[in-house]
N, C-alpha and C. Protein backbone atom coordinates (compact mmCIF):
# COMPACT_ATOMS: atom_id res chain seq x y z
N MET A 1 -2.06 26.49 -19.23
CA MET A 1 -3.44 25.45 -18.69
C MET A 1 -3.38 25.73 -17.50
N SER A 2 -5.30 25.80 -16.98
CA SER A 2 -6.13 26.63 -15.72
C SER A 2 -5.69 25.63 -14.36
N PRO A 3 -5.85 26.21 -13.23
CA PRO A 3 -5.25 25.40 -12.11
C PRO A 3 -6.62 24.49 -12.22
N GLU A 4 -7.67 24.41 -13.01
CA GLU A 4 -8.81 23.79 -12.62
C GLU A 4 -8.22 22.13 -13.42
N LEU A 5 -7.62 22.85 -14.72
CA LEU A 5 -7.21 21.44 -15.87
C LEU A 5 -6.46 21.05 -15.17
N LYS A 6 -5.15 21.80 -14.57
CA LYS A 6 -4.47 20.90 -13.82
C LYS A 6 -4.25 19.48 -13.20
N ILE A 7 -5.50 20.18 -12.04
CA ILE A 7 -6.52 19.43 -11.07
C ILE A 7 -7.09 18.09 -12.14
N TYR A 8 -7.55 18.17 -12.35
CA TYR A 8 -8.60 17.25 -13.80
C TYR A 8 -7.61 16.92 -14.12
N ASP A 9 -5.88 16.86 -15.03
CA ASP A 9 -5.60 15.82 -15.12
C ASP A 9 -4.78 15.33 -14.03
N LYS A 10 -4.07 15.35 -13.32
CA LYS A 10 -3.65 15.18 -12.01
C LYS A 10 -4.72 13.34 -11.06
N LEU A 11 -5.71 14.19 -10.84
CA LEU A 11 -6.72 12.97 -10.47
C LEU A 11 -7.42 12.10 -11.71
N LEU A 12 -7.43 12.07 -13.51
CA LEU A 12 -7.52 10.78 -14.14
C LEU A 12 -6.52 10.01 -13.71
N GLN A 13 -5.80 10.03 -12.81
CA GLN A 13 -4.73 8.95 -12.53
C GLN A 13 -4.95 7.85 -11.65
N PHE A 14 -5.71 8.55 -11.32
CA PHE A 14 -6.38 7.42 -10.04
C PHE A 14 -8.03 6.90 -10.36
N PRO A 15 -7.79 6.18 -9.57
CA PRO A 15 -9.33 4.48 -10.05
C PRO A 15 -10.28 5.45 -9.16
N LEU A 16 -10.73 6.01 -8.64
CA LEU A 16 -11.48 6.78 -8.32
C LEU A 16 -12.03 7.73 -9.00
N PHE A 17 -11.80 7.88 -9.91
CA PHE A 17 -11.98 8.72 -10.63
C PHE A 17 -12.50 8.39 -12.43
N GLN A 18 -11.99 7.35 -12.41
CA GLN A 18 -11.50 6.39 -13.74
C GLN A 18 -13.13 6.64 -14.41
N GLY A 19 -13.84 6.92 -14.96
CA GLY A 19 -14.99 6.29 -15.39
C GLY A 19 -15.62 7.15 -15.22
N MET A 20 -15.49 8.65 -15.32
CA MET A 20 -16.21 9.77 -14.79
C MET A 20 -15.73 10.71 -16.28
N SER A 21 -17.20 11.28 -16.73
CA SER A 21 -16.92 11.99 -17.76
C SER A 21 -16.51 13.22 -17.98
N HIS A 22 -16.40 13.89 -18.60
CA HIS A 22 -15.51 15.59 -18.19
C HIS A 22 -15.99 16.50 -18.21
N ASP A 23 -17.63 15.87 -17.61
CA ASP A 23 -18.07 17.19 -17.25
C ASP A 23 -18.29 16.98 -15.68
N GLU A 24 -18.29 15.51 -15.07
CA GLU A 24 -18.55 15.42 -14.36
C GLU A 24 -17.29 15.13 -13.38
N LEU A 25 -16.33 15.08 -13.85
CA LEU A 25 -15.01 15.32 -13.59
C LEU A 25 -14.54 17.21 -13.08
N MET A 26 -15.04 17.92 -13.94
CA MET A 26 -15.21 18.74 -13.94
C MET A 26 -15.88 19.52 -12.61
N GLN A 27 -16.89 19.38 -12.40
CA GLN A 27 -17.51 19.58 -11.30
C GLN A 27 -17.00 18.84 -10.08
N VAL A 28 -16.56 18.07 -9.74
CA VAL A 28 -15.44 17.01 -9.29
C VAL A 28 -14.93 18.45 -8.55
N VAL A 29 -14.34 18.91 -9.31
CA VAL A 29 -12.63 19.73 -9.40
C VAL A 29 -13.42 21.83 -9.04
N THR A 30 -14.57 21.38 -9.63
CA THR A 30 -14.68 23.09 -9.45
C THR A 30 -16.04 23.17 -7.90
N HIS A 31 -16.29 22.25 -7.78
CA HIS A 31 -17.15 22.32 -6.72
C HIS A 31 -16.83 21.63 -5.07
N THR A 32 -15.22 21.09 -5.29
CA THR A 32 -14.93 20.18 -4.39
C THR A 32 -13.77 20.77 -3.56
N LYS A 33 -14.11 20.46 -1.46
CA LYS A 33 -12.78 21.57 -1.85
C LYS A 33 -11.25 20.52 -1.15
N ILE A 34 -10.95 20.89 -2.40
CA ILE A 34 -9.45 20.33 -2.65
C ILE A 34 -8.31 21.06 -1.59
N GLY A 35 -7.42 19.89 -0.96
CA GLY A 35 -6.74 20.48 -0.61
C GLY A 35 -4.90 20.00 -1.29
N PHE A 36 -4.02 20.15 -1.11
CA PHE A 36 -2.31 20.06 -1.28
C PHE A 36 -1.49 20.53 -0.33
N ALA A 37 -0.73 19.22 -0.23
CA ALA A 37 0.45 19.31 0.36
C ALA A 37 1.93 18.83 -0.40
N LYS A 38 2.91 19.33 0.24
CA LYS A 38 3.93 19.06 0.09
C LYS A 38 5.46 18.44 1.31
N TYR A 39 5.89 17.68 0.97
CA TYR A 39 6.48 16.66 1.65
C TYR A 39 8.21 16.76 1.83
N ASP A 40 9.44 17.04 1.91
CA ASP A 40 10.49 17.56 1.48
C ASP A 40 10.52 15.46 2.23
N LYS A 41 11.99 14.75 1.01
CA LYS A 41 12.65 13.61 1.10
C LYS A 41 12.50 13.80 2.43
N GLY A 42 12.60 12.50 3.34
CA GLY A 42 12.18 11.98 4.88
C GLY A 42 11.55 12.15 5.68
N LYS A 43 10.30 13.65 5.09
CA LYS A 43 9.15 14.01 6.29
C LYS A 43 8.34 13.00 6.56
N LYS A 44 7.90 12.60 7.95
CA LYS A 44 6.79 12.00 7.80
C LYS A 44 5.43 12.33 7.66
N VAL A 45 4.95 11.32 6.69
CA VAL A 45 3.18 12.01 5.82
C VAL A 45 2.14 11.41 6.95
N VAL A 46 2.36 10.00 7.74
CA VAL A 46 1.17 9.87 8.14
C VAL A 46 1.91 8.65 8.79
N SER A 47 1.51 8.58 10.41
CA SER A 47 1.61 7.42 11.00
C SER A 47 1.08 6.81 11.36
N GLU A 48 1.28 4.91 11.33
CA GLU A 48 0.08 4.25 12.21
C GLU A 48 -0.10 4.39 13.58
N GLY A 49 -1.48 4.41 13.30
CA GLY A 49 -2.36 4.74 14.55
C GLY A 49 -2.82 5.83 14.02
N ALA A 50 -3.06 6.86 13.33
CA ALA A 50 -3.12 7.81 13.68
C ALA A 50 -4.56 7.61 12.28
N PRO A 51 -5.40 8.99 12.98
CA PRO A 51 -6.51 8.77 12.49
C PRO A 51 -6.85 9.18 11.07
N CYS A 52 -7.35 8.36 10.68
CA CYS A 52 -7.68 8.54 9.16
C CYS A 52 -8.99 9.24 8.61
N THR A 53 -8.32 10.77 8.46
CA THR A 53 -9.23 11.57 8.06
C THR A 53 -9.72 11.97 6.78
N HIS A 54 -8.31 12.31 5.55
CA HIS A 54 -8.73 12.28 4.51
C HIS A 54 -8.31 11.08 3.75
N LEU A 55 -8.42 11.59 2.45
CA LEU A 55 -8.15 10.91 1.09
C LEU A 55 -6.54 11.48 0.68
N CYS A 56 -5.34 11.13 0.93
CA CYS A 56 -4.32 11.27 0.00
C CYS A 56 -3.52 10.80 -1.19
N PHE A 57 -4.08 11.95 -2.17
CA PHE A 57 -3.55 10.97 -3.35
C PHE A 57 -2.28 11.39 -3.70
N LEU A 58 -1.23 10.55 -3.75
CA LEU A 58 0.17 10.90 -3.92
C LEU A 58 0.03 10.99 -5.94
N ILE A 59 0.57 12.55 -6.20
CA ILE A 59 0.51 13.00 -7.43
C ILE A 59 2.10 12.86 -8.04
N ASN A 60 2.87 13.14 -7.62
CA ASN A 60 4.04 12.48 -7.76
C ASN A 60 5.63 12.45 -6.65
N GLY A 61 6.02 11.25 -7.02
CA GLY A 61 7.36 11.31 -5.76
C GLY A 61 7.21 9.99 -5.43
N GLN A 62 7.82 9.50 -4.67
CA GLN A 62 7.76 8.20 -4.18
C GLN A 62 7.82 8.01 -2.54
N LEU A 63 7.01 7.43 -1.46
CA LEU A 63 6.93 7.00 -0.48
C LEU A 63 7.79 6.09 0.46
N GLU A 64 8.02 6.26 1.45
CA GLU A 64 8.60 5.06 2.10
C GLU A 64 7.84 4.26 3.18
N VAL A 65 7.10 3.08 3.30
CA VAL A 65 6.15 2.34 4.11
C VAL A 65 6.83 1.67 4.87
N ARG A 66 6.45 1.34 5.74
CA ARG A 66 6.67 0.40 7.11
C ARG A 66 5.47 0.01 7.76
N THR A 67 6.10 -1.04 7.96
CA THR A 67 4.12 -1.82 8.31
C THR A 67 4.43 -3.11 9.41
N ALA A 68 4.27 -3.00 10.20
CA ALA A 68 5.02 -3.21 11.87
C ALA A 68 4.08 -4.53 12.06
N ALA A 69 4.55 -5.85 12.64
CA ALA A 69 3.56 -6.96 13.50
C ALA A 69 2.58 -5.81 14.05
N ASP A 70 1.86 -6.97 14.75
CA ASP A 70 0.96 -6.41 16.04
C ASP A 70 2.19 -5.88 17.05
N ASP A 71 2.93 -6.88 17.44
CA ASP A 71 3.63 -7.10 18.48
C ASP A 71 5.00 -6.08 18.22
N HIS A 72 5.42 -5.68 17.12
CA HIS A 72 6.05 -4.84 16.26
C HIS A 72 7.14 -5.31 16.82
N GLY A 73 7.11 -7.04 16.58
CA GLY A 73 8.51 -8.30 16.62
C GLY A 73 9.42 -7.99 15.02
N TYR A 74 8.50 -7.40 14.11
CA TYR A 74 9.04 -7.71 12.64
C TYR A 74 8.54 -6.46 11.90
N HIS A 75 9.12 -5.63 10.91
CA HIS A 75 8.56 -5.28 10.19
C HIS A 75 8.95 -5.20 8.77
N VAL A 76 8.18 -4.47 8.08
CA VAL A 76 8.46 -4.29 6.79
C VAL A 76 8.05 -2.88 6.08
N VAL A 77 9.73 -2.87 5.07
CA VAL A 77 9.78 -1.21 4.19
C VAL A 77 9.35 -1.38 3.20
N GLU A 78 9.11 -1.22 2.57
CA GLU A 78 8.98 -0.72 0.57
C GLU A 78 8.36 0.67 0.19
N GLN A 79 9.09 1.04 -1.38
CA GLN A 79 8.55 2.05 -1.86
C GLN A 79 7.58 1.71 -2.66
N LEU A 80 6.79 3.22 -2.79
CA LEU A 80 5.48 3.03 -3.04
C LEU A 80 5.99 4.05 -4.27
N SER A 81 5.04 4.18 -5.31
CA SER A 81 5.45 5.54 -6.31
C SER A 81 4.34 6.25 -6.71
N ALA A 82 3.87 7.18 -7.23
CA ALA A 82 2.74 8.00 -7.01
C ALA A 82 2.53 6.92 -8.94
N PRO A 83 1.06 7.44 -9.60
CA PRO A 83 -0.36 8.02 -8.58
C PRO A 83 -0.70 6.49 -7.65
N TYR A 84 -0.98 6.72 -6.38
CA TYR A 84 -1.11 6.83 -5.44
C TYR A 84 -1.65 6.74 -4.12
N ILE A 85 -2.59 6.01 -3.94
CA ILE A 85 -3.95 6.25 -2.55
C ILE A 85 -3.22 5.85 -1.11
N ILE A 86 -3.52 6.70 -0.57
CA ILE A 86 -3.07 6.31 1.10
C ILE A 86 -4.39 5.69 1.75
N GLN A 87 -4.27 4.25 1.67
CA GLN A 87 -5.46 3.27 2.16
C GLN A 87 -6.82 4.29 2.25
N PRO A 88 -7.00 3.71 1.29
CA PRO A 88 -8.35 4.75 1.46
C PRO A 88 -9.90 3.74 2.20
N GLU A 89 -9.14 2.01 2.39
CA GLU A 89 -9.95 1.69 3.01
C GLU A 89 -10.08 2.27 4.36
N ARG A 90 -9.13 2.99 5.01
CA ARG A 90 -9.53 3.04 6.35
C ARG A 90 -10.25 4.89 6.06
N LEU A 91 -10.53 5.06 5.91
CA LEU A 91 -11.27 5.88 5.81
C LEU A 91 -12.78 5.70 6.66
N PHE A 92 -13.33 4.50 6.14
CA PHE A 92 -14.70 3.95 6.95
C PHE A 92 -14.31 2.90 7.62
N GLY A 93 -15.33 2.59 7.95
CA GLY A 93 -15.31 1.38 8.83
C GLY A 93 -14.88 1.06 10.78
N ILE A 94 -14.99 -0.05 11.15
CA ILE A 94 -14.48 -0.08 12.87
C ILE A 94 -13.41 0.44 13.17
N HIS A 95 -12.28 0.33 12.17
CA HIS A 95 -10.97 0.90 12.74
C HIS A 95 -10.32 2.36 11.68
N GLN A 96 -10.90 3.01 11.99
CA GLN A 96 -10.67 4.48 10.82
C GLN A 96 -9.62 5.21 11.30
N ARG A 97 -7.84 4.07 11.55
CA ARG A 97 -6.77 4.52 11.64
C ARG A 97 -5.76 4.01 10.68
N TYR A 98 -4.61 4.31 10.03
CA TYR A 98 -3.83 4.21 9.64
C TYR A 98 -2.54 2.68 10.08
N THR A 99 -3.17 1.99 9.73
CA THR A 99 -2.09 0.44 9.53
C THR A 99 -0.32 0.61 9.28
N SER A 100 -0.30 1.33 8.54
CA SER A 100 1.28 1.87 7.93
C SER A 100 1.36 2.86 8.30
N SER A 101 3.00 3.69 8.61
CA SER A 101 3.70 4.43 8.41
C SER A 101 4.15 5.12 6.97
N PHE A 102 4.12 6.04 7.18
CA PHE A 102 4.30 6.56 5.35
C PHE A 102 5.21 7.96 5.52
N LYS A 103 6.42 8.18 5.17
CA LYS A 103 7.19 9.13 5.29
C LYS A 103 7.79 9.37 3.42
N ALA A 104 8.00 10.59 3.04
CA ALA A 104 8.51 10.76 2.02
C ALA A 104 10.13 10.40 1.87
N ALA A 105 10.46 9.52 0.46
CA ALA A 105 11.44 8.95 0.30
C ALA A 105 12.33 9.62 -0.97
N GLN A 106 10.91 10.65 -1.83
CA GLN A 106 11.34 11.60 -2.61
C GLN A 106 10.56 12.81 -1.45
N PRO A 107 11.08 14.19 -2.59
CA PRO A 107 10.10 14.97 -2.19
C PRO A 107 8.47 14.27 -3.12
N CYS A 108 7.28 14.88 -2.42
CA CYS A 108 6.53 14.23 -2.63
C CYS A 108 4.77 15.37 -3.02
N HIS A 109 4.74 15.90 -3.54
CA HIS A 109 2.88 15.92 -3.60
C HIS A 109 1.58 15.43 -3.53
N PHE A 110 0.42 15.71 -2.64
CA PHE A 110 -0.01 15.59 -2.48
C PHE A 110 -1.32 16.17 -2.79
N ILE A 111 -2.53 15.56 -3.72
CA ILE A 111 -4.25 16.37 -3.37
C ILE A 111 -5.03 15.25 -1.90
N THR A 112 -5.22 16.10 -1.38
CA THR A 112 -6.02 15.76 -0.28
C THR A 112 -6.98 16.25 -0.68
N ILE A 113 -8.11 15.04 0.12
CA ILE A 113 -10.12 15.30 -0.49
C ILE A 113 -10.34 14.76 1.33
N ASP A 114 -11.12 15.98 2.53
CA ASP A 114 -11.59 15.72 3.56
C ASP A 114 -12.56 14.72 3.69
N LYS A 115 -13.28 13.85 4.87
CA LYS A 115 -14.05 13.13 5.23
C LYS A 115 -14.93 14.02 4.53
N GLN A 116 -15.15 14.90 4.87
CA GLN A 116 -16.99 14.94 4.81
C GLN A 116 -16.93 15.37 3.11
N GLU A 117 -15.69 16.23 3.07
CA GLU A 117 -16.07 16.08 0.74
C GLU A 117 -16.07 14.72 0.06
N VAL A 118 -15.89 13.83 0.73
CA VAL A 118 -15.76 12.71 0.55
C VAL A 118 -17.14 12.29 0.09
N LEU A 119 -17.50 12.19 1.63
CA LEU A 119 -19.13 12.12 1.39
C LEU A 119 -20.50 12.13 1.01
N LEU A 120 -19.70 13.85 0.48
CA LEU A 120 -20.90 14.82 -0.53
C LEU A 120 -20.68 13.93 -2.02
N LEU A 121 -19.02 14.05 -2.03
CA LEU A 121 -18.76 13.17 -3.60
C LEU A 121 -19.38 11.58 -3.96
N LEU A 122 -19.69 11.32 -2.64
CA LEU A 122 -20.70 9.56 -2.69
C LEU A 122 -22.02 9.97 -2.80
N ASP A 123 -22.30 10.92 -2.50
CA ASP A 123 -23.88 10.95 -2.81
C ASP A 123 -23.98 11.40 -4.31
N SER A 124 -23.31 11.91 -4.59
CA SER A 124 -23.49 12.88 -5.27
C SER A 124 -23.08 12.40 -7.07
N GLN A 125 -22.05 11.54 -6.88
CA GLN A 125 -21.11 11.01 -8.19
C GLN A 125 -21.31 9.47 -7.99
N LEU A 126 -22.03 9.37 -8.79
CA LEU A 126 -22.21 7.39 -8.77
C LEU A 126 -21.34 6.89 -9.56
N VAL A 127 -20.24 7.52 -10.23
CA VAL A 127 -19.56 6.96 -10.74
C VAL A 127 -17.95 6.68 -9.21
N PHE A 128 -17.75 8.11 -8.81
CA PHE A 128 -17.56 8.11 -7.78
C PHE A 128 -17.68 6.99 -6.57
N ARG A 129 -19.26 6.85 -6.58
CA ARG A 129 -19.64 5.67 -5.16
C ARG A 129 -19.45 4.52 -5.81
N LEU A 130 -19.29 3.99 -6.86
CA LEU A 130 -19.26 2.79 -8.39
C LEU A 130 -17.76 2.36 -7.95
N ASN A 131 -16.86 3.01 -7.68
CA ASN A 131 -15.10 2.89 -8.15
C ASN A 131 -14.98 2.75 -6.86
N MET A 132 -15.37 3.46 -5.34
CA MET A 132 -14.99 3.42 -4.19
C MET A 132 -15.72 1.96 -3.37
N LEU A 133 -16.83 2.02 -4.20
CA LEU A 133 -17.17 0.36 -3.49
C LEU A 133 -16.73 -0.78 -4.45
N ASN A 134 -15.91 -0.50 -5.02
CA ASN A 134 -14.77 -1.63 -6.11
C ASN A 134 -13.44 -2.04 -5.47
N ILE A 135 -12.75 -0.69 -5.06
CA ILE A 135 -12.13 -0.50 -4.08
C ILE A 135 -11.59 -1.80 -3.07
N MET A 136 -12.95 -0.72 -1.66
CA MET A 136 -13.42 -1.81 -0.83
C MET A 136 -13.34 -3.00 -0.81
N ALA A 137 -14.14 -3.39 -2.42
CA ALA A 137 -14.49 -5.42 -2.55
C ALA A 137 -14.05 -6.28 -2.87
N THR A 138 -12.95 -4.93 -3.53
CA THR A 138 -11.44 -5.80 -4.36
C THR A 138 -10.02 -6.07 -2.65
N GLU A 139 -10.36 -5.59 -1.90
CA GLU A 139 -9.75 -5.58 -0.44
C GLU A 139 -10.21 -6.45 0.00
N THR A 140 -11.46 -6.49 0.40
CA THR A 140 -12.02 -7.87 1.17
C THR A 140 -11.85 -9.03 0.66
N GLN A 141 -12.14 -9.05 -1.02
CA GLN A 141 -11.83 -10.08 -1.47
C GLN A 141 -10.24 -10.76 -1.47
N ARG A 142 -9.19 -9.63 -1.28
CA ARG A 142 -8.29 -10.08 -1.66
C ARG A 142 -7.99 -11.04 -0.19
N LEU A 143 -8.31 -10.05 0.65
CA LEU A 143 -7.70 -10.76 1.78
C LEU A 143 -8.92 -11.46 2.63
N SER A 144 -10.01 -12.19 2.12
CA SER A 144 -10.50 -13.51 2.66
C SER A 144 -9.83 -14.21 1.74
N ARG A 145 -9.33 -14.11 0.99
CA ARG A 145 -9.06 -16.17 0.42
C ARG A 145 -8.30 -16.17 0.77
N HIS A 146 -7.31 -15.27 1.30
CA HIS A 146 -6.07 -15.77 2.16
C HIS A 146 -5.88 -17.40 3.22
N THR A 147 -7.06 -17.36 3.59
CA THR A 147 -7.39 -17.96 4.61
C THR A 147 -7.08 -19.63 3.95
N TRP A 148 -8.26 -19.45 2.88
CA TRP A 148 -9.03 -20.57 2.01
C TRP A 148 -7.90 -21.46 0.72
N ARG A 149 -6.63 -20.61 0.75
CA ARG A 149 -5.29 -20.60 0.07
C ARG A 149 -5.13 -22.07 0.25
N SER A 150 -4.44 -23.08 -0.72
CA SER A 150 -3.93 -24.45 -0.63
C SER A 150 -2.83 -24.44 0.04
N VAL A 151 -2.74 -25.39 1.04
CA VAL A 151 -1.16 -25.80 1.26
C VAL A 151 0.03 -25.04 0.15
N SER A 152 0.88 -24.84 0.67
CA SER A 152 2.16 -24.47 -0.64
C SER A 152 2.77 -25.97 -0.38
N PRO A 153 3.30 -25.94 -1.78
CA PRO A 153 4.10 -27.59 -2.12
C PRO A 153 5.41 -27.52 -1.26
N SER A 154 5.84 -25.78 -1.22
CA SER A 154 6.98 -26.77 -0.16
C SER A 154 6.96 -25.49 0.04
N LEU A 155 8.90 -25.37 0.86
CA LEU A 155 9.23 -24.05 2.43
C LEU A 155 9.42 -22.42 1.72
N GLN A 156 10.14 -23.00 0.10
CA GLN A 156 10.59 -21.77 -0.28
C GLN A 156 8.83 -21.13 -0.73
N ALA A 157 8.07 -21.93 -1.22
CA ALA A 157 6.50 -21.06 -1.17
C ALA A 157 5.72 -20.74 -0.48
N THR A 158 5.85 -21.27 0.30
CA THR A 158 5.17 -20.97 1.70
C THR A 158 6.26 -19.57 2.12
N LEU A 159 6.79 -19.22 1.69
CA LEU A 159 8.02 -18.19 2.20
C LEU A 159 7.33 -17.06 1.40
N ILE A 160 7.15 -17.19 0.15
CA ILE A 160 6.90 -16.56 -0.73
C ILE A 160 5.70 -16.08 -0.74
N ARG A 161 4.94 -16.53 -0.49
CA ARG A 161 3.73 -16.18 -0.16
C ARG A 161 3.49 -15.43 1.26
N PHE A 162 4.42 -15.63 2.74
CA PHE A 162 4.76 -15.11 3.26
C PHE A 162 4.40 -13.74 2.84
N PHE A 163 6.14 -13.08 2.29
CA PHE A 163 6.15 -11.83 1.67
C PHE A 163 5.28 -11.93 0.97
N ILE A 164 4.50 -12.33 0.34
CA ILE A 164 3.04 -11.27 -0.50
C ILE A 164 2.35 -10.46 -0.01
N GLN A 165 2.27 -11.54 1.74
CA GLN A 165 1.06 -11.28 1.88
C GLN A 165 1.39 -10.34 3.46
N HIS A 166 2.58 -9.99 3.49
CA HIS A 166 3.00 -8.44 4.03
C HIS A 166 3.12 -7.78 3.32
N THR A 167 2.63 -7.31 2.23
CA THR A 167 3.19 -6.52 1.73
C THR A 167 1.65 -5.57 0.92
N LEU A 168 2.21 -4.36 0.87
CA LEU A 168 0.89 -3.11 0.68
C LEU A 168 0.69 -3.88 -0.57
N ARG A 169 1.91 -3.73 -1.82
CA ARG A 169 1.82 -3.82 -3.58
C ARG A 169 3.03 -4.71 -3.51
N PRO A 170 2.51 -5.84 -4.28
CA PRO A 170 2.80 -7.17 -4.32
C PRO A 170 4.25 -7.41 -5.50
N ALA A 171 4.70 -6.08 -5.60
CA ALA A 171 5.83 -6.00 -6.38
C ALA A 171 6.54 -4.82 -6.31
N GLY A 172 8.40 -5.09 -6.86
CA GLY A 172 9.54 -3.72 -6.12
C GLY A 172 9.85 -4.08 -5.28
N SER A 173 10.77 -3.18 -4.57
CA SER A 173 11.77 -3.13 -3.68
C SER A 173 11.43 -3.56 -2.04
N LYS A 174 11.72 -4.32 -1.35
CA LYS A 174 10.84 -4.98 -0.14
C LYS A 174 11.74 -5.32 0.74
N THR A 175 11.99 -4.63 2.22
CA THR A 175 13.41 -5.00 2.90
C THR A 175 12.34 -6.18 4.47
N PHE A 176 12.23 -6.84 4.64
CA PHE A 176 12.09 -7.29 5.67
C PHE A 176 13.73 -7.38 6.86
N HIS A 177 12.57 -6.90 7.94
CA HIS A 177 13.19 -7.09 9.15
C HIS A 177 12.50 -7.65 9.99
N ILE A 178 13.30 -8.94 10.04
CA ILE A 178 12.96 -10.51 11.28
C ILE A 178 14.11 -11.25 11.22
N LEU A 179 13.94 -11.65 12.46
CA LEU A 179 14.86 -12.96 12.67
C LEU A 179 14.40 -14.30 12.17
N MET A 180 15.26 -14.84 11.53
CA MET A 180 15.02 -16.24 11.18
C MET A 180 14.43 -16.63 12.30
N LYS A 181 14.76 -16.45 13.46
CA LYS A 181 13.76 -17.60 14.71
C LYS A 181 12.50 -17.38 14.73
N ARG A 182 12.10 -15.68 14.19
CA ARG A 182 10.78 -15.33 14.04
C ARG A 182 9.61 -15.67 13.22
N LEU A 183 11.00 -15.51 11.89
CA LEU A 183 10.21 -16.25 10.76
C LEU A 183 9.63 -17.84 10.60
N ALA A 184 10.70 -18.57 11.26
CA ALA A 184 10.56 -20.19 11.49
C ALA A 184 8.96 -19.83 12.67
N ALA A 185 8.95 -18.87 13.49
CA ALA A 185 7.79 -19.03 14.22
C ALA A 185 6.46 -18.81 14.19
N GLU A 186 6.29 -18.05 12.77
CA GLU A 186 5.97 -17.32 12.06
C GLU A 186 5.04 -18.58 10.79
N LEU A 187 6.01 -19.19 10.46
CA LEU A 187 5.84 -20.54 9.55
C LEU A 187 5.71 -21.87 10.00
N GLY A 188 5.74 -21.94 11.36
CA GLY A 188 5.47 -23.38 12.17
C GLY A 188 6.83 -23.94 11.73
N CYS A 189 8.10 -23.87 11.51
CA CYS A 189 9.39 -24.92 10.67
C CYS A 189 10.50 -24.45 12.50
N SER A 190 11.30 -25.38 11.38
CA SER A 190 12.70 -24.86 12.49
C SER A 190 13.93 -23.62 11.57
N ARG A 191 14.70 -23.22 12.17
CA ARG A 191 15.08 -22.23 11.79
C ARG A 191 16.04 -22.43 11.10
N LEU A 192 16.70 -23.94 11.34
CA LEU A 192 17.83 -23.91 9.91
C LEU A 192 16.75 -24.24 8.57
N GLU A 193 15.65 -24.96 8.74
CA GLU A 193 13.95 -24.90 7.44
C GLU A 193 14.85 -23.78 6.87
N ILE A 194 14.47 -22.69 7.79
CA ILE A 194 13.84 -21.30 7.08
C ILE A 194 15.54 -20.83 6.70
N SER A 195 16.45 -21.16 7.32
CA SER A 195 17.55 -20.50 6.70
C SER A 195 18.18 -21.10 5.38
N GLN A 196 18.64 -22.40 4.88
CA GLN A 196 18.50 -23.66 4.49
C GLN A 196 17.29 -22.75 3.22
N ALA A 197 16.19 -22.80 2.93
CA ALA A 197 15.22 -22.29 2.14
C ALA A 197 15.18 -20.69 1.54
N LEU A 198 16.21 -19.86 2.33
CA LEU A 198 16.09 -18.71 2.68
C LEU A 198 17.54 -18.44 1.66
N ASN A 199 18.75 -18.74 1.73
CA ASN A 199 19.93 -19.35 1.30
C ASN A 199 20.14 -19.60 0.18
N SER A 200 18.86 -21.10 -0.22
CA SER A 200 18.55 -21.59 -1.91
C SER A 200 18.19 -20.29 -2.62
N MET A 201 17.30 -19.56 -1.78
CA MET A 201 16.56 -18.06 -2.72
C MET A 201 17.92 -17.11 -2.96
N GLN A 202 18.56 -17.20 -1.87
CA GLN A 202 19.79 -15.92 -2.70
C GLN A 202 20.63 -16.23 -3.87
N ALA A 203 21.47 -17.49 -3.28
CA ALA A 203 21.97 -18.06 -5.05
C ALA A 203 21.89 -18.62 -5.85
N ASP A 204 20.23 -18.21 -5.95
CA ASP A 204 19.18 -17.90 -7.06
C ASP A 204 19.04 -16.56 -7.81
N GLY A 205 19.62 -15.87 -6.93
CA GLY A 205 19.49 -13.61 -7.11
C GLY A 205 18.17 -13.70 -6.45
N LEU A 206 17.08 -14.51 -5.84
CA LEU A 206 16.07 -13.65 -5.89
C LEU A 206 15.74 -12.39 -4.99
N LEU A 207 16.70 -12.70 -3.38
CA LEU A 207 16.78 -12.08 -2.32
C LEU A 207 18.29 -11.83 -1.82
N THR A 208 18.63 -10.43 -0.85
CA THR A 208 20.08 -10.54 0.02
C THR A 208 19.48 -10.83 1.32
N LEU A 209 20.24 -11.69 2.32
CA LEU A 209 20.37 -11.88 3.40
C LEU A 209 21.36 -10.60 4.69
N HIS A 210 20.66 -10.52 5.34
CA HIS A 210 21.76 -9.54 6.56
C HIS A 210 21.36 -10.10 7.80
N ARG A 211 21.94 -10.04 8.74
CA ARG A 211 21.56 -9.78 9.76
C ARG A 211 20.55 -9.32 10.38
N GLY A 212 19.21 -10.18 10.57
CA GLY A 212 18.08 -9.73 10.93
C GLY A 212 17.21 -8.92 10.07
N ARG A 213 17.83 -8.90 8.56
CA ARG A 213 17.33 -8.11 7.29
C ARG A 213 16.95 -8.97 5.99
N ILE A 214 16.50 -9.10 5.32
CA ILE A 214 15.91 -10.01 3.94
C ILE A 214 15.78 -8.44 3.06
N GLU A 215 16.50 -8.49 2.03
CA GLU A 215 16.42 -7.36 1.41
C GLU A 215 16.05 -8.42 0.10
N ILE A 216 14.75 -8.03 -0.80
CA ILE A 216 14.09 -8.28 -2.07
C ILE A 216 14.21 -7.29 -3.35
N PRO A 217 14.87 -7.16 -3.76
CA PRO A 217 15.36 -6.18 -4.85
C PRO A 217 13.91 -6.08 -5.91
N MET A 218 13.18 -7.12 -6.21
CA MET A 218 11.68 -6.80 -7.13
C MET A 218 11.06 -8.42 -6.62
N LEU A 219 10.06 -8.28 -6.37
CA LEU A 219 9.27 -9.33 -5.18
C LEU A 219 8.29 -9.86 -6.21
N GLU A 220 8.26 -9.36 -7.69
CA GLU A 220 7.51 -9.57 -8.41
C GLU A 220 8.42 -11.00 -9.11
N ARG A 221 9.83 -11.20 -8.89
CA ARG A 221 11.01 -12.17 -9.52
C ARG A 221 10.22 -13.93 -9.04
N LEU A 222 9.75 -13.39 -7.99
CA LEU A 222 9.67 -14.67 -6.57
C LEU A 222 8.50 -15.56 -7.41
N LEU A 223 7.62 -14.77 -7.96
CA LEU A 223 6.42 -15.62 -8.79
C LEU A 223 6.77 -16.10 -9.56
N MET A 224 7.85 -15.91 -10.16
CA MET A 224 8.14 -16.33 -11.81
C MET A 224 8.51 -17.77 -11.76
């Protein structure tokens, strides 16, 4: 298989290129300056606060992602598998910096496209432009609904909402590094109430409690 066809197959995994015809995607492959990167296990890929200058497409491997509160009083660690694009919404807008840190949880391979090349694709490829707009609009709509959701009927439901709202992907393994005192302050209730709700969820097998750490093996189970 030629290098162009290999890249073609890899790009088809990502929503930014879906809907393109064979000829359109081959034009992207042959006329776009595409970079490649490999990271060994444990290596930092991008850091929180670093400028976002490229689209980074994870084509195989798994990432460990760390996202922290503004004051770094708590943070969550999650695992994300290929195919995955690292924060494409951060390439444009007021704050063009990553809000999470990503490192390789296992050997990872990336395709990268720098911002100038992305701008050329947005100008020349209608489907790519529409897909990018859909990604941005979906993220905006998802975040804008948070404020308007109804009050949760129970503290457990409120905890589940907190966990989901503080992750990049609402599925898979998550580890919250947070003290119960801080979690209680975030949710406006007492530490005892938080402890009781979390212990009830632990008894149901939904999560495991440690000192200053909450491990959730499958976040999607909280929604069942």
